[in-house]
C-alpha atoms as a PDB file:
ATOM      1  CA  MET A   1       0.000   0.000   0.000  1.00  0.00           C
ATOM      2  CA  GLY A   2       1.703   3.215  -1.167  1.00  0.00           C
ATOM      3  CA  ALA A   3       1.689   6.489   0.708  1.00  0.00           C
ATOM      4  CA  ARG A   4      -1.456   8.570   0.217  1.00  0.00           C
ATOM      5  CA  ILE A   5      -0.967  11.870  -1.574  1.00  0.00           C
ATOM      6  CA  LEU A   6      -3.651  14.521  -1.964  1.00  0.00           C
ATOM      7  CA  VAL A   7      -3.148  16.763  -5.015  1.00  0.00           C
ATOM      8  CA  VAL A   8      -5.048  20.042  -4.664  1.00  0.00           C
ATOM      9  CA  GLU A   9      -4.943  21.687  -8.094  1.00  0.00           C
ATOM     10  CA  ASP A  10      -7.633  23.302 -10.255  1.00  0.00           C
ATOM     11  CA  GLU A  11      -5.831  22.917 -13.609  1.00  0.00           C
ATOM     12  CA  GLU A  12      -7.236  19.659 -14.966  1.00  0.00           C
ATOM     13  CA  ALA A  13      -4.307  18.935 -17.303  1.00  0.00           C
ATOM     14  CA  LEU A  14      -1.769  19.402 -14.511  1.00  0.00           C
ATOM     15  CA  THR A  15      -3.856  17.287 -12.131  1.00  0.00           C
ATOM     16  CA  THR A  16      -3.913  14.470 -14.697  1.00  0.00           C
ATOM     17  CA  LEU A  17      -0.144  14.743 -15.191  1.00  0.00           C
ATOM     18  CA  LEU A  18       0.554  14.654 -11.459  1.00  0.00           C
ATOM     19  CA  ARG A  19      -1.813  11.758 -10.805  1.00  0.00           C
ATOM     20  CA  TYR A  20      -0.318   9.677 -13.624  1.00  0.00           C
ATOM     21  CA  ASN A  21       3.272  10.152 -12.504  1.00  0.00           C
ATOM     22  CA  LEU A  22       2.613   9.771  -8.787  1.00  0.00           C
ATOM     23  CA  GLU A  23       0.587   6.595  -9.320  1.00  0.00           C
ATOM     24  CA  ALA A  24       3.328   5.263 -11.601  1.00  0.00           C
ATOM     25  CA  ASP A  25       5.692   5.738  -8.647  1.00  0.00           C
ATOM     26  CA  GLY A  26       3.400   3.600  -6.486  1.00  0.00           C
ATOM     27  CA  TYR A  27       1.486   6.258  -4.547  1.00  0.00           C
ATOM     28  CA  ASP A  28      -2.225   6.224  -3.744  1.00  0.00           C
ATOM     29  CA  VAL A  29      -3.419   9.536  -5.215  1.00  0.00           C
ATOM     30  CA  GLU A  30      -6.537  11.568  -4.504  1.00  0.00           C
ATOM     31  CA  THR A  31      -7.342  14.923  -6.081  1.00  0.00           C
ATOM     32  CA  ALA A  32      -9.363  18.017  -5.239  1.00  0.00           C
ATOM     33  CA  ALA A  33      -9.937  21.088  -7.417  1.00  0.00           C
ATOM     34  CA  ARG A  34     -11.027  23.462  -4.642  1.00  0.00           C
ATOM     35  CA  GLY A  35      -9.339  24.483  -1.420  1.00  0.00           C
ATOM     36  CA  ASP A  36     -12.492  24.191   0.675  1.00  0.00           C
ATOM     37  CA  ASP A  37     -13.208  20.699  -0.702  1.00  0.00           C
ATOM     38  CA  ALA A  38      -9.674  19.628   0.165  1.00  0.00           C
ATOM     39  CA  ASP A  39     -10.058  21.030   3.684  1.00  0.00           C
ATOM     40  CA  THR A  40     -13.253  19.037   4.220  1.00  0.00           C
ATOM     41  CA  ARG A  41     -11.703  15.879   2.796  1.00  0.00           C
ATOM     42  CA  MET A  42      -8.693  16.084   5.100  1.00  0.00           C
ATOM     43  CA  LYS A  43     -10.941  16.380   8.130  1.00  0.00           C
ATOM     44  CA  GLU A  44     -12.408  13.016   7.113  1.00  0.00           C
ATOM     45  CA  ARG A  45      -9.222  11.264   6.008  1.00  0.00           C
ATOM     46  CA  LEU A  46      -5.644  12.452   6.364  1.00  0.00           C
ATOM     47  CA  PRO A  47      -3.185  11.912   3.518  1.00  0.00           C
ATOM     48  CA  ASP A  48       0.532  11.328   4.071  1.00  0.00           C
ATOM     49  CA  LEU A  49       1.475  14.346   1.982  1.00  0.00           C
ATOM     50  CA  VAL A  50      -0.252  17.244   0.189  1.00  0.00           C
ATOM     51  CA  VAL A  51       0.733  18.797  -3.128  1.00  0.00           C
ATOM     52  CA  LEU A  52      -1.017  22.162  -2.880  1.00  0.00           C
ATOM     53  CA  ASP A  53      -1.533  24.857  -5.511  1.00  0.00           C
ATOM     54  CA  TRP A  54      -1.305  28.446  -4.269  1.00  0.00           C
ATOM     55  CA  MET A  55      -4.233  29.858  -6.291  1.00  0.00           C
ATOM     56  CA  LEU A  56      -7.431  27.840  -5.802  1.00  0.00           C
ATOM     57  CA  PRO A  57     -11.167  28.517  -5.945  1.00  0.00           C
ATOM     58  CA  GLY A  58     -13.132  28.398  -2.702  1.00  0.00           C
ATOM     59  CA  LEU A  59     -10.121  28.681  -0.408  1.00  0.00           C
ATOM     60  CA  SER A  60      -6.630  29.710  -1.427  1.00  0.00           C
ATOM     61  CA  GLY A  61      -3.751  27.302  -1.021  1.00  0.00           C
ATOM     62  CA  ILE A  62      -1.924  29.712   1.283  1.00  0.00           C
ATOM     63  CA  GLU A  63      -4.961  29.965   3.579  1.00  0.00           C
ATOM     64  CA  LEU A  64      -5.489  26.197   3.535  1.00  0.00           C
ATOM     65  CA  CYS A  65      -1.831  25.726   4.471  1.00  0.00           C
ATOM     66  CA  ARG A  66      -2.285  28.176   7.356  1.00  0.00           C
ATOM     67  CA  ARG A  67      -5.349  26.266   8.611  1.00  0.00           C
ATOM     68  CA  LEU A  68      -3.591  22.911   8.386  1.00  0.00           C
ATOM     69  CA  ARG A  69      -0.657  24.176  10.444  1.00  0.00           C
ATOM     70  CA  ALA A  70      -3.060  25.485  13.094  1.00  0.00           C
ATOM     71  CA  ARG A  71      -4.697  22.082  13.683  1.00  0.00           C
ATOM     72  CA  PRO A  72      -2.959  19.506  15.907  1.00  0.00           C
ATOM     73  CA  ASP A  73      -3.661  16.557  13.590  1.00  0.00           C
ATOM     74  CA  THR A  74      -2.193  18.284  10.503  1.00  0.00           C
ATOM     75  CA  LYS A  75       0.519  20.399  12.142  1.00  0.00           C
ATOM     76  CA  GLN A  76       3.252  18.055  10.902  1.00  0.00           C
ATOM     77  CA  LEU A  77       1.589  17.064   7.601  1.00  0.00           C
ATOM     78  CA  PRO A  78       4.136  17.402   4.738  1.00  0.00           C
ATOM     79  CA  ILE A  79       3.045  20.098   2.273  1.00  0.00           C
ATOM     80  CA  ILE A  80       4.583  20.948  -1.101  1.00  0.00           C
ATOM     81  CA  MET A  81       3.315  24.261  -2.472  1.00  0.00           C
ATOM     82  CA  LEU A  82       2.931  24.672  -6.251  1.00  0.00           C
ATOM     83  CA  THR A  83       2.741  28.157  -7.686  1.00  0.00           C
ATOM     84  CA  ALA A  84       3.462  30.350 -10.679  1.00  0.00           C
ATOM     85  CA  ARG A  85       4.799  32.994  -8.262  1.00  0.00           C
ATOM     86  CA  GLY A  86       8.566  32.799  -8.481  1.00  0.00           C
ATOM     87  CA  GLU A  87       9.546  35.974  -6.638  1.00  0.00           C
ATOM     88  CA  GLU A  88      11.709  35.518  -3.556  1.00  0.00           C
ATOM     89  CA  SER A  89       9.200  37.375  -1.372  1.00  0.00           C
ATOM     90  CA  GLU A  90       6.441  34.962  -2.423  1.00  0.00           C
ATOM     91  CA  ARG A  91       8.619  31.913  -1.756  1.00  0.00           C
ATOM     92  CA  VAL A  92       9.425  33.272   1.681  1.00  0.00           C
ATOM     93  CA  ARG A  93       5.730  33.881   2.346  1.00  0.00           C
ATOM     94  CA  GLY A  94       4.798  30.345   1.316  1.00  0.00           C
ATOM     95  CA  LEU A  95       7.474  28.772   3.509  1.00  0.00           C
ATOM     96  CA  ALA A  96       6.669  31.074   6.415  1.00  0.00           C
ATOM     97  CA  THR A  97       3.019  30.020   6.248  1.00  0.00           C
ATOM     98  CA  GLY A  98       4.094  26.433   6.847  1.00  0.00           C
ATOM     99  CA  ALA A  99       4.847  24.789   3.497  1.00  0.00           C
ATOM    100  CA  ASP A 100       7.719  22.294   3.705  1.00  0.00           C
ATOM    101  CA  ASP A 101       8.769  22.851   0.108  1.00  0.00           C
ATOM    102  CA  TYR A 102       7.984  25.259  -2.706  1.00  0.00           C
ATOM    103  CA  ILE A 103       8.027  24.494  -6.458  1.00  0.00           C
ATOM    104  CA  VAL A 104       7.526  27.129  -9.154  1.00  0.00           C
ATOM    105  CA  LYS A 105       5.559  26.306 -12.308  1.00  0.00           C
ATOM    106  CA  PRO A 106       6.563  25.100 -14.834  1.00  0.00           C
ATOM    107  CA  PHE A 107       8.530  22.438 -13.032  1.00  0.00           C
ATOM    108  CA  SER A 108      10.330  19.156 -13.696  1.00  0.00           C
ATOM    109  CA  VAL A 109       8.199  16.119 -12.827  1.00  0.00           C
ATOM    110  CA  PRO A 110      11.256  14.026 -11.797  1.00  0.00           C
ATOM    111  CA  GLU A 111      12.280  16.847  -9.445  1.00  0.00           C
ATOM    112  CA  LEU A 112       8.801  16.933  -7.904  1.00  0.00           C
ATOM    113  CA  LEU A 113       8.846  13.153  -7.438  1.00  0.00           C
ATOM    114  CA  ALA A 114      12.256  13.383  -5.778  1.00  0.00           C
ATOM    115  CA  ARG A 115      11.012  16.058  -3.386  1.00  0.00           C
ATOM    116  CA  VAL A 116       7.908  14.010  -2.562  1.00  0.00           C
ATOM    117  CA  LYS A 117      10.056  10.990  -1.736  1.00  0.00           C
ATOM    118  CA  GLY A 118      12.449  13.090   0.334  1.00  0.00           C
ATOM    119  CA  LEU A 119       9.665  14.608   2.434  1.00  0.00           C
ATOM    120  CA  LEU A 120       7.993  11.235   2.979  1.00  0.00           C
ATOM    121  CA  ARG A 121      11.307   9.638   3.920  1.00  0.00           C
ATOM    122  CA  ARG A 122      11.689  12.173   6.728  1.00  0.00           C
ATOM    123  CA  ALA A 123       8.052  12.435   7.818  1.00  0.00           C
ATOM    124  CA  ALA A 124       6.720   8.888   7.319  1.00  0.00           C
ATOM    125  CA  PRO A 125       9.593   6.449   6.698  1.00  0.00           C
ATOM    126  CA  GLU A 126       7.322   3.445   7.324  1.00  0.00           C
ATOM    127  CA  ARG A 127       5.343   4.344   4.183  1.00  0.00           C
ATOM    128  CA  LEU A 128       8.445   3.875   2.038  1.00  0.00           C
ATOM    129  CA  ALA A 129      10.065   0.983   3.880  1.00  0.00           C
ATOM    130  CA  THR A 130      10.543  -2.230   1.918  1.00  0.00           C
ATOM    131  CA  VAL A 131      10.196  -4.404   5.032  1.00  0.00           C
ATOM    132  CA  LEU A 132       7.716  -3.696   7.821  1.00  0.00           C
ATOM    133  CA  SER A 133       8.167  -5.472  11.136  1.00  0.00           C
ATOM    134  CA  TYR A 134       6.650  -5.514  14.589  1.00  0.00           C
ATOM    135  CA  GLY A 135       7.720  -7.964  17.266  1.00  0.00           C
ATOM    136  CA  ASP A 136       8.135 -11.323  15.539  1.00  0.00           C
ATOM    137  CA  LEU A 137       6.017 -10.269  12.536  1.00  0.00           C
ATOM    138  CA  GLU A 138       7.683  -9.286   9.262  1.00  0.00           C
ATOM    139  CA  LEU A 139       6.150  -8.197   5.959  1.00  0.00           C
ATOM    140  CA  ASP A 140       8.337  -7.868   2.862  1.00  0.00           C
ATOM    141  CA  ARG A 141       6.647  -5.574   0.345  1.00  0.00           C
ATOM    142  CA  ASP A 142       8.962  -6.389  -2.557  1.00  0.00           C
ATOM    143  CA  LYS A 143       8.475 -10.142  -2.248  1.00  0.00           C
ATOM    144  CA  ARG A 144       4.912  -9.832  -0.858  1.00  0.00           C
ATOM    145  CA  ARG A 145       5.837 -12.317   1.857  1.00  0.00           C
ATOM    146  CA  VAL A 146       4.773 -12.443   5.493  1.00  0.00           C
ATOM    147  CA  ALA A 147       6.500 -14.362   8.266  1.00  0.00           C
ATOM    148  CA  ARG A 148       6.130 -14.743  12.015  1.00  0.00           C
ATOM    149  CA  SER A 149       9.156 -15.925  13.985  1.00  0.00           C
ATOM    150  CA  GLY A 150      10.685 -16.828  10.629  1.00  0.00           C
ATOM    151  CA  ARG A 151       7.760 -19.070   9.639  1.00  0.00           C
ATOM    152  CA  PRO A 152       6.182 -18.101   6.266  1.00  0.00           C
ATOM    153  CA  ILE A 153       2.469 -17.271   6.390  1.00  0.00           C
ATOM    154  CA  ASP A 154       0.291 -17.424   3.280  1.00  0.00           C
ATOM    155  CA  LEU A 155      -2.216 -14.539   3.340  1.00  0.00           C
ATOM    156  CA  GLY A 156      -4.956 -13.687   0.889  1.00  0.00           C
ATOM    157  CA  PRO A 157      -4.805 -10.240  -0.770  1.00  0.00           C
ATOM    158  CA  THR A 158      -7.253  -8.599   1.654  1.00  0.00           C
ATOM    159  CA  GLU A 159      -5.627 -10.048   4.764  1.00  0.00           C
ATOM    160  CA  TYR A 160      -2.240  -8.935   3.393  1.00  0.00           C
ATOM    161  CA  ARG A 161      -3.493  -5.352   2.967  1.00  0.00           C
ATOM    162  CA  LEU A 162      -5.000  -5.362   6.457  1.00  0.00           C
ATOM    163  CA  LEU A 163      -1.753  -6.519   8.035  1.00  0.00           C
ATOM    164  CA  GLU A 164       0.258  -3.994   5.998  1.00  0.00           C
ATOM    165  CA  PHE A 165      -2.082  -1.214   7.185  1.00  0.00           C
ATOM    166  CA  PHE A 166      -1.699  -2.265  10.827  1.00  0.00           C
ATOM    167  CA  LEU A 167       2.096  -2.516  10.500  1.00  0.00           C
ATOM    168  CA  GLU A 168       2.175   1.020   9.122  1.00  0.00           C
ATOM    169  CA  HIS A 169       0.306   2.251  12.203  1.00  0.00           C
ATOM    170  CA  PRO A 170       1.272   0.044  15.177  1.00  0.00           C
ATOM    171  CA  GLY A 171      -0.534   0.827  18.408  1.00  0.00           C
ATOM    172  CA  ARG A 172      -3.247   2.973  16.794  1.00  0.00           C
ATOM    173  CA  VAL A 173      -6.886   1.966  17.227  1.00  0.00           C
ATOM    174  CA  PHE A 174      -8.998   1.917  14.060  1.00  0.00           C
ATOM    175  CA  SER A 175     -12.766   1.688  13.800  1.00  0.00           C
ATOM    176  CA  ARG A 176     -14.322  -0.591  11.199  1.00  0.00           C
ATOM    177  CA  GLU A 177     -15.177   2.477   9.115  1.00  0.00           C
ATOM    178  CA  GLN A 178     -11.560   3.668   9.199  1.00  0.00           C
ATOM    179  CA  LEU A 179     -10.302   0.237   8.167  1.00  0.00           C
ATOM    180  CA  LEU A 180     -12.788   0.098   5.293  1.00  0.00           C
ATOM    181  CA  ASP A 181     -11.604   3.506   4.153  1.00  0.00           C
ATOM    182  CA  GLY A 182      -7.890   2.758   4.574  1.00  0.00           C
ATOM    183  CA  VAL A 183      -7.801  -0.782   3.173  1.00  0.00           C
ATOM    184  CA  TRP A 184     -10.718  -1.048   0.736  1.00  0.00           C
ATOM    185  CA  GLY A 185     -11.003   2.645  -0.245  1.00  0.00           C
ATOM    186  CA  ARG A 186     -13.677   5.272   0.148  1.00  0.00           C
ATOM    187  CA  ASP A 187     -15.194   4.656  -3.307  1.00  0.00           C
ATOM    188  CA  ILE A 188     -16.166   1.045  -2.614  1.00  0.00           C
ATOM    189  CA  TYR A 189     -19.229   0.215  -0.549  1.00  0.00           C
ATOM    190  CA  ILE A 190     -18.735  -2.797   1.710  1.00  0.00           C
ATOM    191  CA  ASP A 191     -20.652  -3.692   4.840  1.00  0.00           C
ATOM    192  CA  GLU A 192     -18.667  -2.949   8.022  1.00  0.00           C
ATOM    193  CA  ARG A 193     -19.187  -6.560   9.144  1.00  0.00           C
ATOM    194  CA  THR A 194     -16.837  -7.558   6.326  1.00  0.00           C
ATOM    195  CA  VAL A 195     -13.999  -6.122   8.414  1.00  0.00           C
ATOM    196  CA  ASP A 196     -14.748  -8.545  11.252  1.00  0.00           C
ATOM    197  CA  VAL A 197     -14.678 -11.473   8.824  1.00  0.00           C
ATOM    198  CA  HIS A 198     -11.262 -10.574   7.410  1.00  0.00           C
ATOM    199  CA  ILE A 199      -9.847  -9.680  10.841  1.00  0.00           C
ATOM    200  CA  GLY A 200     -10.934 -13.136  12.012  1.00  0.00           C
ATOM    201  CA  ARG A 201      -9.208 -14.809   9.050  1.00  0.00           C
ATOM    202  CA  LEU A 202      -6.044 -12.760   9.615  1.00  0.00           C
ATOM    203  CA  ARG A 203      -5.922 -13.751  13.270  1.00  0.00           C
ATOM    204  CA  LYS A 204      -6.302 -17.442  12.486  1.00  0.00           C
ATOM    205  CA  LEU A 205      -3.530 -17.315   9.909  1.00  0.00           C
ATOM    206  CA  LEU A 206      -1.164 -15.391  12.188  1.00  0.00           C
ATOM    207  CA  ASN A 207      -1.810 -17.402  15.342  1.00  0.00           C
ATOM    208  CA  PRO A 208      -1.937 -21.172  14.763  1.00  0.00           C
ATOM    209  CA  GLY A 209      -1.094 -22.743  18.121  1.00  0.00           C
ATOM    210  CA  ARG A 210      -0.149 -19.398  19.676  1.00  0.00           C
ATOM    211  CA  GLU A 211      -1.548 -17.712  22.754  1.00  0.00           C
ATOM    212  CA  GLN A 212      -0.361 -14.197  21.919  1.00  0.00           C
ATOM    213  CA  ASP A 213      -2.499 -12.415  19.320  1.00  0.00           C
ATOM    214  CA  PRO A 214      -0.890  -9.234  17.910  1.00  0.00           C
ATOM    215  CA  ILE A 215      -4.240  -7.896  16.645  1.00  0.00           C
ATOM    216  CA  ARG A 216      -6.215  -6.513  19.558  1.00  0.00           C
ATOM    217  CA  THR A 217      -9.962  -5.923  19.753  1.00  0.00           C
ATOM    218  CA  VAL A 218     -10.918  -2.754  21.604  1.00  0.00           C
ATOM    219  CA  ARG A 219     -14.473  -2.518  22.889  1.00  0.00           C
ATOM    220  CA  GLY A 220     -16.347   0.455  21.499  1.00  0.00           C
ATOM    221  CA  ALA A 221     -13.398   1.503  19.333  1.00  0.00           C
ATOM    222  CA  GLY A 222     -12.229  -1.139  16.869  1.00  0.00           C
ATOM    223  CA  TYR A 223      -8.935  -2.916  16.256  1.00  0.00           C
ATOM    224  CA  ALA A 224      -5.258  -2.243  16.855  1.00  0.00           C
ATOM    225  CA  LEU A 225      -1.897  -3.923  16.370  1.00  0.00           C
ATOM    226  CA  ASP A 226      -0.730  -4.425  19.985  1.00  0.00           C
ATOM    227  CA  ASP A 227      -2.552  -3.096  23.047  1.00  0.00           C
ATOM    228  CA  ARG A 228      -0.135  -0.544  24.482  1.00  0.00           C
ATOM    229  CA  PHE A 229      -2.156   2.368  23.165  1.00  0.00           C
ATOM    230  CA  ALA A 230      -5.451   0.536  22.770  1.00  0.00           C
ATOM    231  CA  LYS A 231      -6.068   0.798  26.519  1.00  0.00           C
ATOM    232  CA  VAL A 232      -6.304   4.549  26.178  1.00  0.00           C
ATOM    233  CA  GLU A 233      -9.405   4.243  23.987  1.00  0.00           C
ATOM    234  CA  GLY A 234     -11.136   1.252  25.504  1.00  0.00           C
ATOM    235  CA  SER A 235     -10.670  -2.033  27.314  1.00  0.00           C
ATOM    236  CA  PRO A 236      -9.303  -4.955  25.307  1.00  0.00           C
ATOM    237  CA  SER A 237     -11.735  -7.824  25.024  1.00  0.00           C
END
């Protein structure tokens, strides 16, 4: 599962270009053409990085950047600002507002991709890691292999994505709705009970003959990998 990138750009041709190249690099890309729409979307689902145009309808990119930096959940969100304004004073203003990087149009796509990777490497290294591990669990993205204590485990595609999602966010508690959104995607309608079915299958595959289950159920909240932080949001069942 690649890092999620939200492209906020009202030029359709540029949006198409960015989506194509980012997806070709393995990222999960969403787009928004208005600043206010992007703001609403990020309140529902946070991306790993935002590529943000300065001039947008509804809400300017500079104002959206200011709002994101003012909220605790998006204070550290990596933001790359795109703009046709190349003057030094404008670059300083964009960076002072909270953008992590600033690219002037027209720009080199390979350079943009390099800057995206660099920001993600610093802000969310687990999203780029080839091997994810937690305790005695290990998931190799390149080989699409999973092992526990060195023993290979054969997972179906959905169980693999679930485990990858948990390994990217160890200790966080996710509701069924959040798991549906993060693993299946917001554009696909699936009953929330489907999550329980696949969680059950994942547990059985990970835990044959074992007492310790790395996937924790949290009453009234959802599921988490490990229970160190789960206790904050509810009592493990």
